[in-house]
C-alpha atoms as a PDB file:
ATOM      1  CA  MET A   1     -45.829   9.759 -20.837  1.00  0.00           C
ATOM      2  CA  LEU A   2     -44.789   6.392 -19.580  1.00  0.00           C
ATOM      3  CA  LYS A   3     -47.063   3.709 -18.244  1.00  0.00           C
ATOM      4  CA  VAL A   4     -45.663   0.469 -16.860  1.00  0.00           C
ATOM      5  CA  THR A   5     -48.500  -2.073 -16.211  1.00  0.00           C
ATOM      6  CA  ASN A   6     -48.162  -5.456 -14.362  1.00  0.00           C
ATOM      7  CA  ILE A   7     -44.690  -6.382 -15.710  1.00  0.00           C
ATOM      8  CA  ASN A   8     -43.018  -9.654 -14.536  1.00  0.00           C
ATOM      9  CA  VAL A   9     -39.257 -10.190 -14.933  1.00  0.00           C
ATOM     10  CA  TYR A  10     -37.360 -13.390 -14.348  1.00  0.00           C
ATOM     11  CA  TYR A  11     -33.672 -14.359 -14.019  1.00  0.00           C
ATOM     12  CA  GLY A  12     -34.069 -18.121 -14.763  1.00  0.00           C
ATOM     13  CA  ALA A  13     -36.298 -19.284 -11.977  1.00  0.00           C
ATOM     14  CA  ILE A  14     -35.956 -16.144  -9.945  1.00  0.00           C
ATOM     15  CA  HIS A  15     -39.003 -13.810 -10.081  1.00  0.00           C
ATOM     16  CA  ALA A  16     -37.163 -10.463  -9.879  1.00  0.00           C
ATOM     17  CA  VAL A  17     -40.025  -8.055 -10.779  1.00  0.00           C
ATOM     18  CA  LYS A  18     -43.406  -8.868  -9.628  1.00  0.00           C
ATOM     19  CA  ASP A  19     -46.535  -7.211 -11.159  1.00  0.00           C
ATOM     20  CA  VAL A  20     -44.923  -3.837 -11.076  1.00  0.00           C
ATOM     21  CA  THR A  21     -47.134  -0.914 -12.189  1.00  0.00           C
ATOM     22  CA  LEU A  22     -45.961   2.725 -12.336  1.00  0.00           C
ATOM     23  CA  GLU A  23     -46.424   5.720 -14.487  1.00  0.00           C
ATOM     24  CA  VAL A  24     -44.581   8.837 -15.322  1.00  0.00           C
ATOM     25  CA  ASN A  25     -46.319  12.068 -16.377  1.00  0.00           C
ATOM     26  CA  GLU A  26     -44.615  14.622 -18.706  1.00  0.00           C
ATOM     27  CA  GLY A  27     -42.544  17.226 -16.838  1.00  0.00           C
ATOM     28  CA  GLU A  28     -42.233  15.204 -13.599  1.00  0.00           C
ATOM     29  CA  ILE A  29     -39.553  13.667 -11.575  1.00  0.00           C
ATOM     30  CA  VAL A  30     -40.511  10.392 -10.335  1.00  0.00           C
ATOM     31  CA  THR A  31     -38.202   8.262  -8.098  1.00  0.00           C
ATOM     32  CA  LEU A  32     -38.179   4.560  -7.401  1.00  0.00           C
ATOM     33  CA  ILE A  33     -36.360   3.765  -4.150  1.00  0.00           C
ATOM     34  CA  GLY A  34     -35.712   0.541  -2.257  1.00  0.00           C
ATOM     35  CA  ALA A  35     -32.999  -1.754  -0.835  1.00  0.00           C
ATOM     36  CA  ASN A  36     -30.286  -3.510  -2.857  1.00  0.00           C
ATOM     37  CA  GLY A  37     -31.818  -6.334  -4.746  1.00  0.00           C
ATOM     38  CA  ALA A  38     -35.282  -4.827  -4.542  1.00  0.00           C
ATOM     39  CA  GLY A  39     -35.572  -4.959  -8.407  1.00  0.00           C
ATOM     40  CA  LYS A  40     -35.059  -1.213  -9.066  1.00  0.00           C
ATOM     41  CA  SER A  41     -32.417  -1.515 -11.848  1.00  0.00           C
ATOM     42  CA  THR A  42     -34.147  -4.599 -13.296  1.00  0.00           C
ATOM     43  CA  THR A  43     -37.256  -2.441 -13.823  1.00  0.00           C
ATOM     44  CA  LEU A  44     -35.317   0.229 -15.593  1.00  0.00           C
ATOM     45  CA  GLN A  45     -33.586  -2.218 -17.803  1.00  0.00           C
ATOM     46  CA  THR A  46     -36.882  -3.714 -18.751  1.00  0.00           C
ATOM     47  CA  ILE A  47     -38.392  -0.360 -19.611  1.00  0.00           C
ATOM     48  CA  SER A  48     -35.415   0.324 -21.825  1.00  0.00           C
ATOM     49  CA  GLY A  49     -35.553  -3.013 -23.536  1.00  0.00           C
ATOM     50  CA  LEU A  50     -32.405  -4.655 -22.384  1.00  0.00           C
ATOM     51  CA  LEU A  51     -34.532  -7.202 -20.467  1.00  0.00           C
ATOM     52  CA  ARG A  52     -38.053  -8.645 -21.393  1.00  0.00           C
ATOM     53  CA  SER A  53     -41.127  -8.860 -19.301  1.00  0.00           C
ATOM     54  CA  ARG A  54     -43.009 -12.222 -19.451  1.00  0.00           C
ATOM     55  CA  SER A  55     -46.298 -10.395 -19.163  1.00  0.00           C
ATOM     56  CA  GLY A  56     -47.673  -6.897 -18.735  1.00  0.00           C
ATOM     57  CA  ASN A  57     -47.258  -3.802 -20.927  1.00  0.00           C
ATOM     58  CA  ILE A  58     -44.862  -0.915 -21.239  1.00  0.00           C
ATOM     59  CA  SER A  59     -46.082   2.183 -23.118  1.00  0.00           C
ATOM     60  CA  PHE A  60     -44.283   5.313 -23.821  1.00  0.00           C
ATOM     61  CA  LEU A  61     -45.963   8.101 -25.704  1.00  0.00           C
ATOM     62  CA  ASP A  62     -48.861   5.801 -26.235  1.00  0.00           C
ATOM     63  CA  GLU A  63     -46.783   3.229 -28.075  1.00  0.00           C
ATOM     64  CA  ASN A  64     -46.122  -0.255 -26.895  1.00  0.00           C
ATOM     65  CA  ILE A  65     -42.394  -0.464 -26.477  1.00  0.00           C
ATOM     66  CA  GLY A  66     -42.130  -3.830 -24.751  1.00  0.00           C
ATOM     67  CA  VAL A  67     -41.368  -5.518 -27.967  1.00  0.00           C
ATOM     68  CA  ILE A  68     -38.985  -2.735 -29.501  1.00  0.00           C
ATOM     69  CA  ALA A  69     -35.151  -3.055 -29.792  1.00  0.00           C
ATOM     70  CA  PRO A  70     -33.445  -0.955 -27.178  1.00  0.00           C
ATOM     71  CA  HIS A  71     -31.836   1.331 -29.816  1.00  0.00           C
ATOM     72  CA  LYS A  72     -35.167   2.056 -31.283  1.00  0.00           C
ATOM     73  CA  ILE A  73     -36.480   2.966 -27.862  1.00  0.00           C
ATOM     74  CA  VAL A  74     -33.727   5.605 -27.634  1.00  0.00           C
ATOM     75  CA  GLU A  75     -34.745   6.858 -31.007  1.00  0.00           C
ATOM     76  CA  ARG A  76     -38.258   7.427 -29.642  1.00  0.00           C
ATOM     77  CA  GLY A  77     -36.889   9.694 -26.898  1.00  0.00           C
ATOM     78  CA  LEU A  78     -36.375   7.418 -23.888  1.00  0.00           C
ATOM     79  CA  ALA A  79     -32.647   7.075 -22.740  1.00  0.00           C
ATOM     80  CA  GLN A  80     -31.048   5.550 -19.628  1.00  0.00           C
ATOM     81  CA  VAL A  81     -27.906   6.507 -17.751  1.00  0.00           C
ATOM     82  CA  PRO A  82     -26.932   2.891 -16.414  1.00  0.00           C
ATOM     83  CA  GLU A  83     -25.928   2.056 -12.826  1.00  0.00           C
ATOM     84  CA  GLY A  84     -21.963   2.245 -12.685  1.00  0.00           C
ATOM     85  CA  ARG A  85     -21.737   4.900 -15.449  1.00  0.00           C
ATOM     86  CA  ARG A  86     -20.226   2.491 -18.190  1.00  0.00           C
ATOM     87  CA  VAL A  87     -18.563   5.220 -20.194  1.00  0.00           C
ATOM     88  CA  PHE A  88     -16.262   4.223 -22.917  1.00  0.00           C
ATOM     89  CA  LEU A  89     -13.097   4.156 -20.982  1.00  0.00           C
ATOM     90  CA  ARG A  90     -10.514   4.411 -23.800  1.00  0.00           C
ATOM     91  CA  MET A  91     -12.429   7.110 -25.618  1.00  0.00           C
ATOM     92  CA  THR A  92     -12.119  10.829 -24.987  1.00  0.00           C
ATOM     93  CA  VAL A  93     -14.946  12.863 -23.367  1.00  0.00           C
ATOM     94  CA  ARG A  94     -15.890  14.440 -26.543  1.00  0.00           C
ATOM     95  CA  GLU A  95     -15.928  10.970 -28.305  1.00  0.00           C
ATOM     96  CA  ASN A  96     -18.266   9.621 -25.597  1.00  0.00           C
ATOM     97  CA  LEU A  97     -20.521  12.336 -26.083  1.00  0.00           C
ATOM     98  CA  GLU A  98     -20.624  12.075 -29.847  1.00  0.00           C
ATOM     99  CA  MET A  99     -21.409   8.413 -29.291  1.00  0.00           C
ATOM    100  CA  GLY A 100     -24.589   9.524 -27.389  1.00  0.00           C
ATOM    101  CA  ALA A 101     -25.790  11.396 -30.467  1.00  0.00           C
ATOM    102  CA  TYR A 102     -25.959   8.321 -32.754  1.00  0.00           C
ATOM    103  CA  THR A 103     -29.489   8.658 -33.127  1.00  0.00           C
ATOM    104  CA  GLN A 104     -29.359  12.371 -34.153  1.00  0.00           C
ATOM    105  CA  LYS A 105     -28.440  14.198 -37.511  1.00  0.00           C
ATOM    106  CA  ALA A 106     -24.832  15.123 -37.808  1.00  0.00           C
ATOM    107  CA  SER A 107     -25.911  18.714 -38.437  1.00  0.00           C
ATOM    108  CA  GLY A 108     -27.218  19.087 -34.842  1.00  0.00           C
ATOM    109  CA  VAL A 109     -24.430  17.304 -33.031  1.00  0.00           C
ATOM    110  CA  ALA A 110     -22.421  20.632 -32.427  1.00  0.00           C
ATOM    111  CA  ALA A 111     -25.090  22.325 -30.795  1.00  0.00           C
ATOM    112  CA  ASP A 112     -26.057  19.349 -28.683  1.00  0.00           C
ATOM    113  CA  LEU A 113     -22.389  19.266 -27.554  1.00  0.00           C
ATOM    114  CA  GLU A 114     -22.391  22.805 -26.321  1.00  0.00           C
ATOM    115  CA  HIS A 115     -25.721  22.120 -24.520  1.00  0.00           C
ATOM    116  CA  ALA A 116     -23.860  19.226 -22.776  1.00  0.00           C
ATOM    117  CA  TYR A 117     -20.913  21.424 -22.067  1.00  0.00           C
ATOM    118  CA  ALA A 118     -23.158  24.155 -20.591  1.00  0.00           C
ATOM    119  CA  LEU A 119     -24.871  21.439 -18.263  1.00  0.00           C
ATOM    120  CA  PHE A 120     -21.398  19.978 -17.320  1.00  0.00           C
ATOM    121  CA  PRO A 121     -18.787  22.630 -17.603  1.00  0.00           C
ATOM    122  CA  ARG A 122     -16.196  20.234 -16.270  1.00  0.00           C
ATOM    123  CA  LEU A 123     -16.661  18.208 -19.432  1.00  0.00           C
ATOM    124  CA  LYS A 124     -15.602  20.958 -21.632  1.00  0.00           C
ATOM    125  CA  GLU A 125     -12.445  21.418 -19.608  1.00  0.00           C
ATOM    126  CA  ARG A 126     -11.895  17.702 -19.942  1.00  0.00           C
ATOM    127  CA  GLN A 127     -13.189  17.238 -23.545  1.00  0.00           C
ATOM    128  CA  ARG A 128      -9.780  15.734 -24.951  1.00  0.00           C
ATOM    129  CA  GLN A 129      -9.254  13.629 -21.845  1.00  0.00           C
ATOM    130  CA  VAL A 130      -9.570   9.863 -22.011  1.00  0.00           C
ATOM    131  CA  ALA A 131     -12.637   8.918 -19.952  1.00  0.00           C
ATOM    132  CA  GLY A 132     -10.915   6.182 -17.948  1.00  0.00           C
ATOM    133  CA  THR A 133      -8.803   8.786 -16.354  1.00  0.00           C
ATOM    134  CA  LEU A 134     -11.782  10.727 -15.064  1.00  0.00           C
ATOM    135  CA  SER A 135     -12.777  10.767 -11.393  1.00  0.00           C
ATOM    136  CA  GLY A 136     -15.836   9.048 -10.602  1.00  0.00           C
ATOM    137  CA  GLY A 137     -17.880  12.210 -10.418  1.00  0.00           C
ATOM    138  CA  GLU A 138     -16.700  13.172 -13.657  1.00  0.00           C
ATOM    139  CA  GLN A 139     -17.599   9.822 -15.319  1.00  0.00           C
ATOM    140  CA  GLN A 140     -21.094  10.303 -13.869  1.00  0.00           C
ATOM    141  CA  MET A 141     -21.388  13.699 -15.482  1.00  0.00           C
ATOM    142  CA  LEU A 142     -20.131  12.044 -18.694  1.00  0.00           C
ATOM    143  CA  ALA A 143     -22.569   9.347 -18.604  1.00  0.00           C
ATOM    144  CA  MET A 144     -25.446  11.935 -18.130  1.00  0.00           C
ATOM    145  CA  GLY A 145     -24.245  14.074 -20.786  1.00  0.00           C
ATOM    146  CA  ARG A 146     -23.995  11.310 -23.210  1.00  0.00           C
ATOM    147  CA  ALA A 147     -27.452  10.363 -22.522  1.00  0.00           C
ATOM    148  CA  MET A 148     -28.539  13.969 -23.034  1.00  0.00           C
ATOM    149  CA  MET A 149     -27.010  13.874 -26.629  1.00  0.00           C
ATOM    150  CA  SER A 150     -29.741  11.752 -27.633  1.00  0.00           C
ATOM    151  CA  ARG A 151     -32.267  14.637 -26.867  1.00  0.00           C
ATOM    152  CA  PRO A 152     -34.345  12.467 -24.550  1.00  0.00           C
ATOM    153  CA  LYS A 153     -37.832  13.395 -23.709  1.00  0.00           C
ATOM    154  CA  LEU A 154     -37.760  10.941 -20.739  1.00  0.00           C
ATOM    155  CA  LEU A 155     -34.322  10.279 -19.047  1.00  0.00           C
ATOM    156  CA  MET A 156     -34.007   7.254 -16.700  1.00  0.00           C
ATOM    157  CA  LEU A 157     -31.154   7.459 -14.082  1.00  0.00           C
ATOM    158  CA  ASP A 158     -29.819   4.418 -12.374  1.00  0.00           C
ATOM    159  CA  GLU A 159     -28.176   5.203  -8.983  1.00  0.00           C
ATOM    160  CA  PRO A 160     -26.498   8.492 -10.094  1.00  0.00           C
ATOM    161  CA  SER A 161     -25.051   9.227  -6.874  1.00  0.00           C
ATOM    162  CA  MET A 162     -23.345   5.864  -6.100  1.00  0.00           C
ATOM    163  CA  GLY A 163     -19.779   5.975  -4.826  1.00  0.00           C
ATOM    164  CA  LEU A 164     -19.732   9.939  -4.867  1.00  0.00           C
ATOM    165  CA  ALA A 165     -18.544  12.340  -2.066  1.00  0.00           C
ATOM    166  CA  PRO A 166     -21.521  14.333  -0.539  1.00  0.00           C
ATOM    167  CA  ILE A 167     -20.512  17.522  -2.308  1.00  0.00           C
ATOM    168  CA  LEU A 168     -20.685  15.708  -5.736  1.00  0.00           C
ATOM    169  CA  VAL A 169     -23.955  14.194  -4.819  1.00  0.00           C
ATOM    170  CA  GLU A 170     -25.375  17.596  -4.406  1.00  0.00           C
ATOM    171  CA  GLN A 171     -24.017  18.816  -7.732  1.00  0.00           C
ATOM    172  CA  ILE A 172     -25.345  15.834  -9.609  1.00  0.00           C
ATOM    173  CA  PHE A 173     -28.879  16.384  -8.119  1.00  0.00           C
ATOM    174  CA  ASP A 174     -28.682  20.092  -8.969  1.00  0.00           C
ATOM    175  CA  ILE A 175     -28.019  19.007 -12.503  1.00  0.00           C
ATOM    176  CA  ILE A 176     -30.923  16.650 -12.436  1.00  0.00           C
ATOM    177  CA  THR A 177     -33.291  19.411 -11.547  1.00  0.00           C
ATOM    178  CA  GLU A 178     -31.803  21.826 -14.069  1.00  0.00           C
ATOM    179  CA  MET A 179     -32.421  19.229 -16.786  1.00  0.00           C
ATOM    180  CA  ASN A 180     -36.092  18.928 -15.647  1.00  0.00           C
ATOM    181  CA  ARG A 181     -36.461  22.561 -15.600  1.00  0.00           C
ATOM    182  CA  GLU A 182     -35.229  22.443 -19.116  1.00  0.00           C
ATOM    183  CA  GLY A 183     -38.159  20.019 -20.009  1.00  0.00           C
ATOM    184  CA  VAL A 184     -36.640  16.653 -19.565  1.00  0.00           C
ATOM    185  CA  THR A 185     -38.862  14.230 -17.619  1.00  0.00           C
ATOM    186  CA  ILE A 186     -37.061  12.119 -15.029  1.00  0.00           C
ATOM    187  CA  LEU A 187     -37.274   8.630 -13.855  1.00  0.00           C
ATOM    188  CA  LEU A 188     -34.802   8.266 -10.927  1.00  0.00           C
ATOM    189  CA  VAL A 189     -33.632   5.058  -9.307  1.00  0.00           C
ATOM    190  CA  GLU A 190     -31.710   5.976  -6.182  1.00  0.00           C
ATOM    191  CA  GLN A 191     -30.585   4.548  -2.838  1.00  0.00           C
ATOM    192  CA  ASN A 192     -30.144   7.937  -1.363  1.00  0.00           C
ATOM    193  CA  ALA A 193     -33.672   8.190  -0.660  1.00  0.00           C
ATOM    194  CA  GLN A 194     -33.435  11.471   1.221  1.00  0.00           C
ATOM    195  CA  MET A 195     -31.960  13.117  -1.812  1.00  0.00           C
ATOM    196  CA  ALA A 196     -34.220  11.497  -4.302  1.00  0.00           C
ATOM    197  CA  LEU A 197     -37.461  12.328  -2.300  1.00  0.00           C
ATOM    198  CA  SER A 198     -36.224  15.891  -1.936  1.00  0.00           C
ATOM    199  CA  VAL A 199     -36.265  16.599  -5.800  1.00  0.00           C
ATOM    200  CA  ALA A 200     -39.106  14.231  -6.855  1.00  0.00           C
ATOM    201  CA  ASN A 201     -42.684  15.099  -7.459  1.00  0.00           C
ATOM    202  CA  ARG A 202     -43.780  11.560  -6.818  1.00  0.00           C
ATOM    203  CA  ALA A 203     -42.143   8.228  -5.656  1.00  0.00           C
ATOM    204  CA  TYR A 204     -42.629   4.430  -5.577  1.00  0.00           C
ATOM    205  CA  VAL A 205     -41.127   2.210  -2.878  1.00  0.00           C
ATOM    206  CA  LEU A 206     -40.153  -1.290  -4.243  1.00  0.00           C
ATOM    207  CA  GLU A 207     -39.529  -4.215  -1.937  1.00  0.00           C
ATOM    208  CA  THR A 208     -38.518  -7.720  -3.031  1.00  0.00           C
ATOM    209  CA  GLY A 209     -39.785  -7.132  -6.534  1.00  0.00           C
ATOM    210  CA  GLY A 210     -43.042  -5.293  -5.793  1.00  0.00           C
ATOM    211  CA  ILE A 211     -44.374  -1.904  -5.286  1.00  0.00           C
ATOM    212  CA  VAL A 212     -45.356  -1.515  -1.669  1.00  0.00           C
ATOM    213  CA  LEU A 213     -45.960   2.261  -1.495  1.00  0.00           C
ATOM    214  CA  HIS A 214     -46.351   5.099  -3.782  1.00  0.00           C
ATOM    215  CA  GLY A 215     -47.521   8.744  -3.655  1.00  0.00           C
ATOM    216  CA  ASP A 216     -46.329  12.318  -3.392  1.00  0.00           C
ATOM    217  CA  ALA A 217     -42.740  12.374  -2.463  1.00  0.00           C
ATOM    218  CA  SER A 218     -43.413  15.101   0.100  1.00  0.00           C
ATOM    219  CA  GLU A 219     -45.865  12.638   1.831  1.00  0.00           C
ATOM    220  CA  LEU A 220     -43.514   9.569   1.765  1.00  0.00           C
ATOM    221  CA  ILE A 221     -40.646  11.510   3.088  1.00  0.00           C
ATOM    222  CA  GLY A 222     -42.617  11.915   6.189  1.00  0.00           C
ATOM    223  CA  ASN A 223     -44.100   8.384   6.174  1.00  0.00           C
ATOM    224  CA  GLU A 224     -42.782   6.550   9.331  1.00  0.00           C
ATOM    225  CA  ASP A 225     -42.335   3.347   7.593  1.00  0.00           C
ATOM    226  CA  VAL A 226     -40.215   4.992   4.865  1.00  0.00           C
ATOM    227  CA  LYS A 227     -38.244   6.931   7.414  1.00  0.00           C
ATOM    228  CA  ARG A 228     -37.492   3.846   9.442  1.00  0.00           C
ATOM    229  CA  ALA A 229     -36.450   1.700   6.334  1.00  0.00           C
ATOM    230  CA  TYR A 230     -34.764   4.286   4.099  1.00  0.00           C
ATOM    231  CA  LEU A 231     -34.178   7.658   5.884  1.00  0.00           C
ATOM    232  CA  GLY A 232     -32.541   6.552   9.117  1.00  0.00           C
ATOM    233  CA  GLY A 233     -35.512   7.627  11.104  1.00  0.00           C
END
């Protein structure tokens, strides 16, 4: 479904992503783990068109999307939930969700809202509440629900557990697996490597901008180097 080949991304003179190659197959949950500053978020932002690679190729559903505007990439079925949630703080929960449906026909928005509320019942309770007054966990749910309103085939999640209490982290990961069961393919960037590897089919380990390990998540969770670096082993 998604194939990233030898992308290189710079911030000025800083080489942030170095020859990164990865792929995500339909129906999978694939996770990208690594320390702060490893290039995980930069990789996602490049895939979604917010940043540009100086070289390499990004293919989604057999189309080169490396030169396509971000909103056109969303229209093709690839959506991202950004790090830090970035909900529209002065808009209500419902208005935020409706903003996520801008690529869809108006006739389908009501059904998509009900689907979002089924995934996130808390959002239905809070639908008239201003987003800036929600808790961190509720804002994360809202950011995920907003992305789902675009009916993504592939959903990219950037640090969905950041700053959340452990019980909320479990809820968020339960919802991620439920979305996957419903047919949404997932590319997950996550510092909580234990949780990420527990739900993923495959994983890539990113260090200082480059992929240093990849394989089945069940194998990497038992890898001694991964355990020492990311799992507290």
